[in-house]
Each structure stands twice: as C-alpha cells, then as structure tokens.
Amino acid sequence: MSEKIALITGANKGIGLEIARQLGKQGMIVLIGARSLQKASQASEQLQAEQVRAYPIELDVTNAEHIQSAADRIETEYGKLDVLVNNAGIYVDHEGTGIDVMRRGFETNFFGAYALTLALLPLLKLSPAGRIVNQSSILGSIGTILTNEMYGMAAAPVYTTSKAALNALTAQLSIQLKDTPIKVNASHPGWVKTDMGGSGAVMEIPEGAETAVYLATLPSDGPSGGFFHKQEALPW
C-alpha cells in the first residue's frame, strides 16, 4: 500500500484530533485512537465530514488487549504503519503526589506510549519512512524544570517526571533505530487552550498541533532523537 497510515492516540478531541485532521488533509489515512470507541467514532465522523479518511480504534494505552487488537487490525487492514503519534496523556497532579498517583500518571504518559510503540514497531519497520512522535512537554525538560513557574504548573511532579521519562525513551529509541528509516522525536506543543492547558493558555489548538505534524512528516534527511517546539530544538 502506497498510502500513508497514521495512528494518533488520544485523538478524540483537542490536539490529538487536530493532529489527525492536519495529517488527514495531507492525504494520510488517520486512525483515531481513544479509550472510548464511541468518542473515537464521533471524532472520525467529524473528520469524515471534512473529507478526511478517518477511522476509529478503541485504544486505551494502559490496556494490553487494546494494544494487541490495534496492532492486529493495522496489520490485517493495512500491512504497515507509517506514523505513530503517542499523544494520549493525563494530568493527575491535582489528586496529590503519592505513589499511587505517580504510578497512574506513568501508566499513561510513559508505559502506555512504550507498550504501544513496542507492539507497533514491526509495522513501522515495514514503512519506507516510519515516524514516531512522542507528545511531551517543556515541563519534562530537566534543563528548564526550575523555570516552569511560567506555566503555572511548577508543582507537578507526576506530570513533569513522566514526561522527562518519555523524553529519555525518545532518545533511547532513536539510538536503537538509527540503522532504520524510522525517525523518533519528542514534541512540545506549547501552552495550548485545551482541557488540560486551560482557557488562560496562549495558543489555539491548530497551532498546538503543528509541531507533531512537522515531526510526523519529516523528510528522509530530517532529525531523529530530538525534542522540538515548531522547528526549534529544545533542551532535554
């Protein structure tokens, strides 16, 4: 199949939905991953009305059965995967900073992305130009962690450490895959007006999707193993 296939997790709303929209308008078939099949279907119908080829997948990234089912379906229907955007993420610091809350944050923000990537790597390796985009945050940048007060989220140890771990995974995967055409990068979308970002954020959703879309469509001479906002490299 010459057409490009993209899977976006957490794609039923917000930045994930917009990433799917923008990739779809570039001609890709976009698979809308969401914990609720109903919400994934509603988002897919919305994009289909905009002439985007979008199809729903029930995908809770903390559910091993969902992950295997998604991998099996993509293999059966498409035979490969060109783009994986690990966009699903949660912010649970308002619930406290105990070990149970920390584990829950890591289950989605880190382990879920890792498990899904491992399951889909064989399909990404069948693409002539596989791309993995891990949706991170400047809040996960260890180099700038002491200046995160500007986002009003300085006291967010669950979110920041889980995103820092995702950044480390991005770098590690890029090394493991350096002899393949696959490129792996982390994206900081910016402070965006979403349910998580809040109404006081400075960026609209379409702009917030731009970095992930840029990294999902990198040319063969594009970077791998980096952390970006728009086309600017950020400190780990």
Protein backbone atom coordinates (compact mmCIF):
# COMPACT_ATOMS: atom_id res chain seq x y z
CA MET A 1 0.00 0.00 0.00
CA SER A 2 1.49 3.34 -1.08
CA GLU A 3 -0.89 5.43 1.01
CA LYS A 4 0.42 6.53 4.39
CA ILE A 5 -1.27 5.23 7.54
CA ALA A 6 -1.13 7.23 10.78
CA LEU A 7 -2.29 6.25 14.26
CA ILE A 8 -2.86 9.01 16.78
CA THR A 9 -3.69 8.17 20.38
CA GLY A 10 -5.89 10.41 22.49
CA ALA A 11 -7.29 11.68 19.20
CA ASN A 12 -10.96 12.14 20.00
CA LYS A 13 -10.51 15.80 20.99
CA GLY A 14 -8.07 18.65 21.42
CA ILE A 15 -4.57 18.50 19.99
CA GLY A 16 -4.85 14.81 19.07
CA LEU A 17 -7.92 15.43 16.96
CA GLU A 18 -6.26 18.38 15.28
CA ILE A 19 -3.12 16.35 14.52
CA ALA A 20 -5.34 13.77 12.86
CA ARG A 21 -7.13 16.49 10.90
CA GLN A 22 -3.91 18.05 9.62
CA LEU A 23 -2.33 14.71 8.69
CA GLY A 24 -5.56 13.62 7.04
CA LYS A 25 -5.71 16.79 4.97
CA GLN A 26 -2.22 15.90 3.73
CA GLY A 27 -3.69 12.69 2.33
CA MET A 28 -2.95 10.19 5.08
CA ILE A 29 -5.41 7.62 6.36
CA VAL A 30 -5.75 8.51 10.03
CA LEU A 31 -6.72 6.06 12.76
CA ILE A 32 -8.39 7.76 15.69
CA GLY A 33 -7.31 6.09 18.92
CA ALA A 34 -9.37 6.77 22.03
CA ARG A 35 -10.29 4.95 25.24
CA SER A 36 -13.96 5.17 24.26
CA LEU A 37 -14.92 3.63 20.92
CA GLN A 38 -17.97 5.88 20.86
CA LYS A 39 -15.84 9.01 21.19
CA ALA A 40 -13.38 7.71 18.60
CA SER A 41 -16.28 7.08 16.22
CA GLN A 42 -17.73 10.55 16.78
CA ALA A 43 -14.36 12.17 16.09
CA SER A 44 -13.90 10.04 12.97
CA GLU A 45 -17.33 11.06 11.67
CA GLN A 46 -16.45 14.70 12.28
CA LEU A 47 -13.29 14.37 10.20
CA GLN A 48 -15.01 12.32 7.51
CA ALA A 49 -17.40 15.24 7.06
CA GLU A 50 -14.29 17.29 6.26
CA GLN A 51 -13.23 14.78 3.57
CA VAL A 52 -10.59 13.17 5.80
CA ARG A 53 -10.25 9.39 5.72
CA ALA A 54 -10.55 8.77 9.45
CA TYR A 55 -11.43 5.53 11.21
CA PRO A 56 -11.92 4.78 14.91
CA ILE A 57 -9.90 2.42 17.09
CA GLU A 58 -10.75 1.66 20.71
CA LEU A 59 -7.37 2.16 22.31
CA ASP A 60 -6.67 2.63 25.99
CA VAL A 61 -2.88 2.65 26.02
CA THR A 62 -2.87 1.12 29.52
CA ASN A 63 -4.83 -1.90 28.25
CA ALA A 64 -2.67 -4.68 26.77
CA GLU A 65 -5.63 -6.25 24.95
CA HIS A 66 -6.48 -2.94 23.27
CA ILE A 67 -2.87 -2.54 22.15
CA GLN A 68 -2.67 -6.03 20.67
CA SER A 69 -6.04 -5.64 18.99
CA ALA A 70 -4.94 -2.36 17.40
CA ALA A 71 -1.70 -3.91 16.15
CA ASP A 72 -3.56 -6.90 14.71
CA ARG A 73 -6.11 -4.70 12.97
CA ILE A 74 -3.49 -2.43 11.41
CA GLU A 75 -1.52 -5.44 10.17
CA THR A 76 -4.63 -7.06 8.68
CA GLU A 77 -6.13 -3.98 7.07
CA TYR A 78 -3.05 -2.02 6.03
CA GLY A 79 0.03 -4.23 6.33
CA LYS A 80 2.18 -1.42 7.74
CA LEU A 81 2.16 1.75 9.79
CA ASP A 82 3.85 4.95 8.67
CA VAL A 83 3.20 7.31 11.56
CA LEU A 84 2.63 6.75 15.27
CA VAL A 85 1.78 9.78 17.38
CA ASN A 86 1.82 8.92 21.08
CA ASN A 87 -0.43 11.80 22.05
CA ALA A 88 -2.50 10.26 24.87
CA GLY A 89 -1.62 11.79 28.22
CA ILE A 90 -3.10 12.66 31.56
CA TYR A 91 -2.52 15.29 34.24
CA VAL A 92 -3.27 13.92 37.71
CA ASP A 93 -1.15 16.09 39.99
CA HIS A 94 -4.27 17.77 41.37
CA GLU A 95 -5.04 14.40 43.00
CA GLY A 96 -1.86 14.51 45.07
CA THR A 97 1.69 13.27 44.72
CA GLY A 98 1.51 9.88 46.43
CA ILE A 99 2.94 6.76 44.87
CA ASP A 100 -0.42 5.55 43.53
CA VAL A 101 -0.97 8.83 41.70
CA MET A 102 2.59 8.72 40.37
CA ARG A 103 2.07 5.19 39.07
CA ARG A 104 -1.18 6.17 37.35
CA GLY A 105 0.46 9.11 35.63
CA PHE A 106 3.34 6.95 34.42
CA GLU A 107 0.99 4.19 33.21
CA THR A 108 -0.47 6.50 30.56
CA ASN A 109 2.23 9.09 29.94
CA PHE A 110 5.18 6.68 29.78
CA PHE A 111 4.41 2.97 29.96
CA GLY A 112 1.39 3.23 27.65
CA ALA A 113 3.42 5.00 24.98
CA TYR A 114 6.25 2.50 25.37
CA ALA A 115 3.99 -0.57 25.20
CA LEU A 116 2.18 0.70 22.13
CA THR A 117 5.43 1.60 20.38
CA LEU A 118 6.89 -1.85 21.04
CA ALA A 119 3.76 -3.53 19.67
CA LEU A 120 3.76 -1.41 16.51
CA LEU A 121 7.49 -1.35 15.76
CA PRO A 122 7.29 -4.36 13.40
CA LEU A 123 4.67 -2.49 11.34
CA LEU A 124 6.63 0.77 11.44
CA LYS A 125 9.67 -1.10 10.15
CA LEU A 126 7.64 -2.13 7.10
CA SER A 127 7.17 1.52 6.19
CA PRO A 128 9.75 3.12 3.90
CA ALA A 129 9.72 6.17 6.18
CA GLY A 130 8.34 5.38 9.63
CA ARG A 131 7.87 8.26 12.05
CA ILE A 132 7.28 8.12 15.81
CA VAL A 133 6.24 11.29 17.61
CA ASN A 134 6.07 11.32 21.39
CA GLN A 135 3.91 14.14 22.67
CA SER A 136 5.94 15.55 25.53
CA SER A 137 6.11 18.95 27.23
CA ILE A 138 8.67 21.57 28.14
CA LEU A 139 7.60 20.70 31.69
CA GLY A 140 9.52 17.45 31.21
CA SER A 141 12.74 19.26 30.33
CA ILE A 142 15.14 18.69 33.22
CA GLY A 143 17.25 21.57 31.95
CA THR A 144 14.39 24.04 32.41
CA ILE A 145 12.46 22.44 35.27
CA LEU A 146 13.26 25.30 37.66
CA THR A 147 11.73 27.86 35.30
CA ASN A 148 8.41 26.11 34.79
CA GLU A 149 6.64 28.57 37.08
CA MET A 150 5.80 30.48 33.91
CA TYR A 151 3.29 27.78 33.05
CA GLY A 152 1.67 27.80 36.49
CA MET A 153 2.49 24.10 36.85
CA ALA A 154 5.75 24.12 38.78
CA ALA A 155 4.40 21.81 41.48
CA ALA A 156 3.54 18.96 39.12
CA PRO A 157 6.00 16.15 39.89
CA VAL A 158 3.88 13.39 38.33
CA TYR A 159 3.45 15.15 35.01
CA THR A 160 6.99 16.52 34.80
CA THR A 161 8.77 13.27 35.69
CA SER A 162 6.61 11.13 33.41
CA LYS A 163 7.31 13.48 30.52
CA ALA A 164 11.02 13.53 31.35
CA ALA A 165 10.96 9.73 31.17
CA LEU A 166 9.21 9.93 27.80
CA ASN A 167 11.94 12.25 26.57
CA ALA A 168 14.60 9.77 27.68
CA LEU A 169 12.72 7.00 25.89
CA THR A 170 12.65 9.10 22.73
CA ALA A 171 16.42 9.45 22.76
CA GLN A 172 16.93 5.77 23.54
CA LEU A 173 14.62 4.60 20.75
CA SER A 174 16.36 6.85 18.25
CA ILE A 175 19.64 5.11 19.06
CA GLN A 176 18.09 1.64 18.78
CA LEU A 177 16.54 2.53 15.42
CA LYS A 178 19.42 4.55 13.95
CA ASP A 179 20.08 1.96 11.23
CA THR A 180 16.47 2.03 10.03
CA PRO A 181 14.49 4.71 8.17
CA ILE A 182 12.42 5.33 11.32
CA LYS A 183 12.75 8.73 12.96
CA VAL A 184 11.79 9.21 16.61
CA ASN A 185 11.29 12.65 18.13
CA ALA A 186 9.55 14.34 21.05
CA SER A 187 7.18 17.25 20.60
CA HIS A 188 6.34 20.15 22.90
CA PRO A 189 3.06 21.54 21.56
CA GLY A 190 3.20 24.74 23.58
CA TRP A 191 0.73 26.12 26.10
CA VAL A 192 -2.50 25.39 24.27
CA LYS A 193 -6.15 26.14 25.02
CA THR A 194 -7.28 22.59 25.73
CA ASP A 195 -8.97 20.89 28.68
CA MET A 196 -5.50 20.38 30.16
CA GLY A 197 -3.99 23.71 29.15
CA GLY A 198 -6.94 25.79 30.28
CA SER A 199 -8.52 28.95 28.93
CA GLY A 200 -5.56 31.08 30.01
CA ALA A 201 -3.22 29.38 27.53
CA VAL A 202 -1.70 31.45 24.77
CA MET A 203 -2.03 29.14 21.76
CA GLU A 204 -5.02 27.88 19.80
CA ILE A 205 -5.35 24.16 19.09
CA PRO A 206 -4.40 24.23 15.37
CA GLU A 207 -1.09 25.90 16.23
CA GLY A 208 -0.56 23.43 19.07
CA ALA A 209 -0.73 20.54 16.60
CA GLU A 210 1.89 21.97 14.26
CA THR A 211 4.98 20.51 15.96
CA ALA A 212 3.72 16.94 15.98
CA VAL A 213 2.60 17.24 12.35
CA TYR A 214 6.01 18.61 11.38
CA LEU A 215 7.77 15.68 13.07
CA ALA A 216 5.32 13.14 11.61
CA THR A 217 6.10 14.32 8.09
CA LEU A 218 9.88 14.79 8.28
CA PRO A 219 11.82 14.14 5.09
CA SER A 220 14.46 11.42 4.93
CA ASP A 221 17.20 13.88 5.92
CA GLY A 222 15.24 15.19 8.91
CA PRO A 223 16.38 14.88 12.52
CA SER A 224 15.88 11.95 14.87
CA GLY A 225 16.36 11.78 18.62
CA GLY A 226 15.39 15.39 19.22
CA PHE A 227 12.97 17.44 21.30
CA PHE A 228 11.21 20.19 19.38
CA HIS A 229 8.72 23.03 19.51
CA LYS A 230 7.72 24.07 15.99
CA GLN A 231 11.08 23.57 14.24
CA GLU A 232 13.22 24.71 17.16
CA ALA A 233 15.24 22.21 19.18
CA LEU A 234 14.63 22.30 22.93
CA PRO A 235 16.93 21.28 25.81
CA TRP A 236 16.38 17.85 27.30
